[in-house]
Amino acid sequence: MRINKKYVIFFISFFILQASLISGCSLSSNSSASKLIYAEKISVQSQAASKEKNDNTDADEQKKEEYELQSKLNKQMQRLLLEKNHKEELKKQEEQKKQEELKKQEELKKQEEQKKQEELKKQEELKKQEEVKKSDENKKQKVQVAQASTTPQSNRLIDKIKSLGNSQQAILVQANSFGTCRVNINTYEKINGSWKEVYSNISGVVGIKGFSTNRHEGDLTSPVGIFSIPYLFGWGGNAGFKMPYKASNQNDYWVSDSVLERYNVWIHREGGPDPNWKDYEALGTNQPLYKYAAVINYNMDSNKVMGKGSGMFLHITPLSGGGTLGCTAMPESNLVQVLRWLDSSKNPVIIQGPTSELNNM
């Protein structure tokens, strides 16, 4: 702060005058001049001291301002540096996260590819096992045929049956009597003019009331005779069959209507069965017995007779283990083996009845 020179001289003169009046002394002209000179000197010295003080104060203020400015600059630099470091850290974290994400995607892709390869390998292994299984079954069949019984023809029932025509495969279904539904099933193949046993002693069932030579619709018996096998069918899929095969579904029915052209025939109809049909059987998945089956050619030709019986099949044994409504049945595992063995080029037939009737065929 700067002090005005005029005010300094005024105050000094005032104090000197006051001091003279108090002491009762009269100031002469010379002493007044001397005192004025002294006051001037004092004023100059005071001014110089004040200027020095002001200069010092200004220097301190300048230093203070410079310090504060430097402090502000330092703080600003620190803030900018922190912001820069923070941005670099965020960028580094983002880059790291991106790399981790890419790595994760690559790992997932690698796992997916590995899973795909394992699945393909598993499918190939299953396919190979299936091929080996089929090959083993074929070998087994060949061995069974090659090592078939050499019992003299006169002692075997199959050799006593003379009306087999050009058939080279036969399924023999034999019961002890007319009234039983329990049967023993054997299969034969003709090789070099002789019947060789392929599958033997399969336990099966026929109609609940056994066999009949005069079957009619709904009597719960199975027909006696020799019947051809035109084709196989079922909803279980073709299990490697050599016979003609027809896949069935929920829109397929075996119909036994009161009209001849719709009696004992397969009909495919969308939207459910015809309410006008007198009788029918569903052939889809709701009928477990028809997962695999063969059609027995009974009362099916142009000379078929209404009411004589319909829907005769070779199918899976009922879960109850009891007899059927007229069909012939055996366990699923045996049935699949037999159906795979059947060959349409060998004109397979099924021969069934009680022993007493079979001996006379």
Foldseek 3Di string as FASTA:
>chain_A
DADDLVVQLVVQLVVVVVVCVVVVHDDDPVNVVVSSVVSNVVSVVVNVVVVVVVVVVVVVVVVVVVVVVVVVVVVVVVVVVVVVVVVVVVVVVVVVVVVVVVVVVVVVVVVVVVVVVVVVVVVVVVVVVLVVVVVVLVVLQVVQQVPFDPPDLVPDLVSLFDPPPQFFKEWEWADQAQQFFKTFIWIWGADPNDTGTRDGGFIKGFFLRGEDCQAFPQPRYAYAFKWFWQAKEAQQDDPQFQGHYYYFAQQKKQADAPDVVNHQDIDGHPPDDDPRGPDIGGRHPVDVFRNIKIFTPDLPDPPRDRGSDHDAIETAQDPVNGYDSHYMYGHPVVVSSVRRPDHVVNRYMYGYDYPVVSSVD
